[in-house]
Amino acid sequence: MKPHKARMEEDRALRDAARALVKDDIDHLKGDVEEKGIVARIASSALLGATDIFEEGKELAEKHKPASYGIGAVIAAVIGWWALGGGRSDESDDEDYAWDEID
């Protein structure tokens, strides 16, 4: 056999094997989607991702406790500042509300 023809037959066999694997994967996915709906799959994936993020954050906070205390203090200060008015002036430029008008 010529080397080009042998090479072509080998490539064709590899292509056919790959095609069979892809078809099997598609059939498996179709059955899997029918068994477990897309919404349930998305919810499960999101829950796993959130769990991983929470665990990594917990590990990071345990490794760097002093830094996490400082970050927590800054976040608490920002939330407190926002809750107390956040730099809002007493004079309002907005006259759409009756309680803003001075009689």
N, C-alpha and C. Protein backbone atom coordinates (compact mmCIF):
# COMPACT_ATOMS: atom_id res chain seq x y z
N MET A 1 0.84 -1.17 0.00
CA MET A 1 0.00 0.00 0.00
C MET A 1 0.89 1.24 0.00
N LYS A 2 0.42 2.23 -0.65
CA LYS A 2 1.17 3.48 -0.68
C LYS A 2 1.11 4.14 0.68
N PRO A 3 2.16 4.87 1.06
CA PRO A 3 2.17 5.50 2.39
C PRO A 3 1.04 6.52 2.57
N HIS A 4 0.67 7.24 1.50
CA HIS A 4 -0.40 8.22 1.62
C HIS A 4 -1.74 7.54 1.87
N LYS A 5 -1.95 6.41 1.20
CA LYS A 5 -3.22 5.70 1.37
C LYS A 5 -3.32 5.10 2.77
N ALA A 6 -2.21 4.55 3.27
CA ALA A 6 -2.20 3.99 4.63
C ALA A 6 -2.45 5.09 5.65
N ARG A 7 -1.82 6.23 5.44
CA ARG A 7 -2.02 7.36 6.36
C ARG A 7 -3.48 7.83 6.34
N MET A 8 -4.08 7.86 5.15
CA MET A 8 -5.46 8.29 5.02
C MET A 8 -6.40 7.30 5.72
N GLU A 9 -6.12 6.01 5.60
CA GLU A 9 -6.96 5.02 6.29
C GLU A 9 -6.82 5.12 7.81
N GLU A 10 -5.61 5.38 8.29
CA GLU A 10 -5.42 5.57 9.74
C GLU A 10 -6.18 6.81 10.22
N ASP A 11 -6.08 7.89 9.47
CA ASP A 11 -6.79 9.11 9.83
C ASP A 11 -8.29 8.90 9.81
N ARG A 12 -8.78 8.16 8.82
CA ARG A 12 -10.21 7.88 8.73
C ARG A 12 -10.67 7.05 9.93
N ALA A 13 -9.87 6.08 10.34
CA ALA A 13 -10.22 5.26 11.50
C ALA A 13 -10.26 6.11 12.77
N LEU A 14 -9.29 7.01 12.92
CA LEU A 14 -9.29 7.92 14.07
C LEU A 14 -10.50 8.83 14.05
N ARG A 15 -10.85 9.34 12.87
CA ARG A 15 -12.02 10.22 12.74
C ARG A 15 -13.29 9.48 13.12
N ASP A 16 -13.42 8.25 12.64
CA ASP A 16 -14.62 7.47 12.95
C ASP A 16 -14.72 7.15 14.44
N ALA A 17 -13.58 6.86 15.06
CA ALA A 17 -13.58 6.59 16.50
C ALA A 17 -13.97 7.85 17.27
N ALA A 18 -13.44 9.00 16.87
CA ALA A 18 -13.79 10.25 17.53
C ALA A 18 -15.27 10.58 17.34
N ARG A 19 -15.78 10.35 16.14
CA ARG A 19 -17.20 10.59 15.88
C ARG A 19 -18.07 9.71 16.77
N ALA A 20 -17.70 8.45 16.93
CA ALA A 20 -18.47 7.54 17.79
C ALA A 20 -18.46 8.04 19.24
N LEU A 21 -17.30 8.51 19.72
CA LEU A 21 -17.23 9.04 21.09
C LEU A 21 -18.11 10.27 21.26
N VAL A 22 -18.09 11.16 20.29
CA VAL A 22 -18.92 12.38 20.37
C VAL A 22 -20.39 12.01 20.37
N LYS A 23 -20.78 11.08 19.51
CA LYS A 23 -22.19 10.66 19.47
C LYS A 23 -22.61 10.03 20.79
N ASP A 24 -21.74 9.23 21.38
CA ASP A 24 -22.06 8.63 22.69
C ASP A 24 -22.20 9.71 23.76
N ASP A 25 -21.30 10.70 23.74
CA ASP A 25 -21.39 11.80 24.70
C ASP A 25 -22.69 12.58 24.53
N ILE A 26 -23.08 12.85 23.30
CA ILE A 26 -24.32 13.58 23.05
C ILE A 26 -25.52 12.79 23.54
N ASP A 27 -25.54 11.49 23.27
CA ASP A 27 -26.64 10.65 23.75
C ASP A 27 -26.69 10.63 25.27
N HIS A 28 -25.52 10.56 25.90
CA HIS A 28 -25.46 10.57 27.37
C HIS A 28 -25.98 11.89 27.92
N LEU A 29 -25.58 13.00 27.31
CA LEU A 29 -26.06 14.31 27.77
C LEU A 29 -27.56 14.46 27.59
N LYS A 30 -28.09 13.97 26.47
CA LYS A 30 -29.53 14.06 26.25
C LYS A 30 -30.28 13.29 27.33
N GLY A 31 -29.82 12.11 27.65
CA GLY A 31 -30.46 11.33 28.70
C GLY A 31 -30.31 11.98 30.06
N ASP A 32 -29.16 12.56 30.30
CA ASP A 32 -28.90 13.21 31.58
C ASP A 32 -29.76 14.45 31.75
N VAL A 33 -29.96 15.22 30.68
CA VAL A 33 -30.80 16.42 30.75
C VAL A 33 -32.25 16.04 30.97
N GLU A 34 -32.68 14.96 30.35
CA GLU A 34 -34.06 14.51 30.57
C GLU A 34 -34.26 14.05 32.01
N GLU A 35 -33.23 13.42 32.57
CA GLU A 35 -33.32 12.92 33.94
C GLU A 35 -33.32 14.07 34.95
N LYS A 36 -32.43 15.03 34.75
CA LYS A 36 -32.32 16.17 35.65
C LYS A 36 -32.45 17.42 34.80
N GLY A 37 -33.46 18.23 35.05
CA GLY A 37 -33.76 19.39 34.23
C GLY A 37 -32.65 20.42 34.21
N ILE A 38 -32.73 21.30 33.24
CA ILE A 38 -31.71 22.33 33.07
C ILE A 38 -31.70 23.28 34.26
N VAL A 39 -32.89 23.68 34.73
CA VAL A 39 -32.96 24.61 35.87
C VAL A 39 -32.34 23.99 37.11
N ALA A 40 -32.63 22.72 37.35
CA ALA A 40 -32.05 22.05 38.51
C ALA A 40 -30.54 21.94 38.37
N ARG A 41 -30.09 21.72 37.16
CA ARG A 41 -28.65 21.62 36.92
C ARG A 41 -27.95 22.97 37.16
N ILE A 42 -28.57 24.06 36.71
CA ILE A 42 -28.00 25.39 36.92
C ILE A 42 -27.99 25.72 38.42
N ALA A 43 -29.08 25.41 39.11
CA ALA A 43 -29.15 25.68 40.55
C ALA A 43 -28.08 24.88 41.29
N SER A 44 -27.91 23.64 40.92
CA SER A 44 -26.91 22.80 41.57
C SER A 44 -25.50 23.34 41.32
N SER A 45 -25.24 23.76 40.09
CA SER A 45 -23.93 24.31 39.75
C SER A 45 -23.68 25.61 40.52
N ALA A 46 -24.69 26.46 40.60
CA ALA A 46 -24.54 27.73 41.32
C ALA A 46 -24.29 27.47 42.81
N LEU A 47 -25.00 26.50 43.37
CA LEU A 47 -24.82 26.18 44.78
C LEU A 47 -23.41 25.66 45.04
N LEU A 48 -22.91 24.80 44.15
CA LEU A 48 -21.55 24.30 44.31
C LEU A 48 -20.53 25.42 44.21
N GLY A 49 -20.74 26.33 43.27
CA GLY A 49 -19.83 27.47 43.12
C GLY A 49 -19.85 28.37 44.34
N ALA A 50 -21.04 28.65 44.86
CA ALA A 50 -21.16 29.50 46.05
C ALA A 50 -20.50 28.83 47.26
N THR A 51 -20.68 27.54 47.37
CA THR A 51 -20.07 26.80 48.48
C THR A 51 -18.55 26.87 48.39
N ASP A 52 -18.01 26.69 47.18
CA ASP A 52 -16.56 26.77 46.99
C ASP A 52 -16.02 28.16 47.34
N ILE A 53 -16.73 29.19 46.91
CA ILE A 53 -16.29 30.56 47.19
C ILE A 53 -16.32 30.82 48.69
N PHE A 54 -17.38 30.36 49.37
CA PHE A 54 -17.49 30.56 50.81
C PHE A 54 -16.36 29.84 51.54
N GLU A 55 -16.07 28.60 51.14
CA GLU A 55 -15.01 27.84 51.80
C GLU A 55 -13.64 28.48 51.57
N GLU A 56 -13.39 28.96 50.34
CA GLU A 56 -12.12 29.62 50.08
C GLU A 56 -11.99 30.92 50.88
N GLY A 57 -13.09 31.66 50.99
CA GLY A 57 -13.07 32.89 51.78
C GLY A 57 -12.82 32.61 53.25
N LYS A 58 -13.42 31.53 53.74
CA LYS A 58 -13.22 31.14 55.13
C LYS A 58 -11.76 30.76 55.38
N GLU A 59 -11.18 29.98 54.46
CA GLU A 59 -9.78 29.59 54.61
C GLU A 59 -8.87 30.82 54.56
N LEU A 60 -9.16 31.73 53.65
CA LEU A 60 -8.35 32.94 53.52
C LEU A 60 -8.44 33.79 54.78
N ALA A 61 -9.64 33.91 55.33
CA ALA A 61 -9.81 34.69 56.56
C ALA A 61 -9.08 34.04 57.73
N GLU A 62 -9.06 32.70 57.78
CA GLU A 62 -8.36 32.02 58.86
C GLU A 62 -6.85 32.19 58.73
N LYS A 63 -6.35 32.21 57.49
CA LYS A 63 -4.91 32.37 57.28
C LYS A 63 -4.46 33.79 57.61
N HIS A 64 -5.30 34.76 57.32
CA HIS A 64 -4.92 36.16 57.48
C HIS A 64 -5.89 36.87 58.42
N LYS A 65 -5.96 36.42 59.65
CA LYS A 65 -6.90 36.99 60.62
C LYS A 65 -6.74 38.49 60.83
N PRO A 66 -5.55 39.02 61.08
CA PRO A 66 -5.45 40.47 61.30
C PRO A 66 -5.94 41.28 60.10
N ALA A 67 -5.63 40.83 58.91
CA ALA A 67 -6.09 41.54 57.71
C ALA A 67 -7.60 41.47 57.60
N SER A 68 -8.18 40.31 57.93
CA SER A 68 -9.63 40.17 57.82
C SER A 68 -10.33 41.05 58.85
N TYR A 69 -9.71 41.24 60.01
CA TYR A 69 -10.31 42.14 61.00
C TYR A 69 -10.30 43.57 60.47
N GLY A 70 -9.21 43.97 59.85
CA GLY A 70 -9.12 45.31 59.29
C GLY A 70 -10.12 45.52 58.17
N ILE A 71 -10.27 44.53 57.30
CA ILE A 71 -11.24 44.63 56.21
C ILE A 71 -12.65 44.69 56.77
N GLY A 72 -12.92 43.89 57.79
CA GLY A 72 -14.24 43.92 58.43
C GLY A 72 -14.53 45.27 59.06
N ALA A 73 -13.51 45.88 59.67
CA ALA A 73 -13.69 47.19 60.29
C ALA A 73 -13.97 48.26 59.24
N VAL A 74 -13.29 48.19 58.12
CA VAL A 74 -13.52 49.16 57.04
C VAL A 74 -14.92 48.99 56.48
N ILE A 75 -15.34 47.76 56.25
CA ILE A 75 -16.69 47.50 55.73
C ILE A 75 -17.74 48.00 56.72
N ALA A 76 -17.53 47.74 58.02
CA ALA A 76 -18.47 48.21 59.03
C ALA A 76 -18.52 49.73 59.07
N ALA A 77 -17.37 50.39 58.91
CA ALA A 77 -17.34 51.86 58.92
C ALA A 77 -18.08 52.42 57.71
N VAL A 78 -17.90 51.81 56.57
CA VAL A 78 -18.60 52.29 55.36
C VAL A 78 -20.09 52.10 55.50
N ILE A 79 -20.52 50.95 56.01
CA ILE A 79 -21.95 50.70 56.20
C ILE A 79 -22.53 51.67 57.23
N GLY A 80 -21.79 51.91 58.31
CA GLY A 80 -22.25 52.86 59.32
C GLY A 80 -22.36 54.26 58.76
N TRP A 81 -21.36 54.69 57.99
CA TRP A 81 -21.39 56.01 57.36
C TRP A 81 -22.59 56.14 56.43
N TRP A 82 -22.82 55.09 55.64
CA TRP A 82 -23.96 55.09 54.71
C TRP A 82 -25.29 55.13 55.48
N ALA A 83 -25.38 54.36 56.57
CA ALA A 83 -26.62 54.30 57.34
C ALA A 83 -26.92 55.63 58.04
N LEU A 84 -25.88 56.38 58.38
CA LEU A 84 -26.08 57.66 59.08
C LEU A 84 -26.25 58.84 58.14
N GLY A 85 -26.33 58.60 56.88
CA GLY A 85 -26.60 59.68 55.94
C GLY A 85 -25.58 59.80 54.85
N GLY A 86 -24.45 59.26 55.00
CA GLY A 86 -23.46 59.18 53.96
C GLY A 86 -23.02 60.50 53.35
N GLY A 87 -22.76 61.53 54.14
CA GLY A 87 -22.26 62.78 53.62
C GLY A 87 -23.31 63.63 52.93
N ARG A 88 -24.53 63.34 53.20
CA ARG A 88 -25.63 64.09 52.60
C ARG A 88 -25.73 65.44 53.29
N SER A 89 -25.91 66.48 52.51
CA SER A 89 -26.04 67.81 53.11
C SER A 89 -27.48 68.02 53.58
N ASP A 90 -27.66 68.99 54.50
CA ASP A 90 -29.01 69.26 55.01
C ASP A 90 -29.87 69.94 53.96
N GLU A 91 -29.25 70.70 53.08
CA GLU A 91 -30.01 71.39 52.04
C GLU A 91 -30.20 70.46 50.86
N SER A 92 -31.42 70.43 50.38
CA SER A 92 -31.74 69.54 49.27
C SER A 92 -31.92 70.36 48.01
N ASP A 93 -31.35 69.90 46.92
CA ASP A 93 -31.53 70.55 45.63
C ASP A 93 -32.83 70.10 44.98
N ASP A 94 -33.40 69.04 45.48
CA ASP A 94 -34.59 68.45 44.88
C ASP A 94 -35.83 69.03 45.55
N GLU A 95 -36.68 69.72 44.80
CA GLU A 95 -37.88 70.33 45.36
C GLU A 95 -39.14 69.57 44.99
N ASP A 96 -39.00 68.29 44.66
CA ASP A 96 -40.16 67.50 44.25
C ASP A 96 -41.03 67.06 45.42
N TYR A 97 -40.51 67.11 46.62
CA TYR A 97 -41.24 66.59 47.75
C TYR A 97 -41.73 67.72 48.65
N ALA A 98 -42.90 67.55 49.19
CA ALA A 98 -43.52 68.58 50.04
C ALA A 98 -42.70 68.81 51.30
N TRP A 99 -42.07 67.79 51.85
CA TRP A 99 -41.36 67.96 53.11
C TRP A 99 -40.02 68.67 52.91
N ASP A 100 -39.56 68.81 51.64
CA ASP A 100 -38.35 69.55 51.37
C ASP A 100 -38.57 71.05 51.31
N GLU A 101 -39.81 71.46 51.10
CA GLU A 101 -40.11 72.88 50.93
C GLU A 101 -40.13 73.57 52.29
N ILE A 102 -39.56 74.76 52.33
CA ILE A 102 -39.55 75.56 53.56
C ILE A 102 -40.59 76.66 53.36
N ASP A 103 -41.58 76.70 54.24
CA ASP A 103 -42.65 77.72 54.15
C ASP A 103 -42.36 78.88 55.04
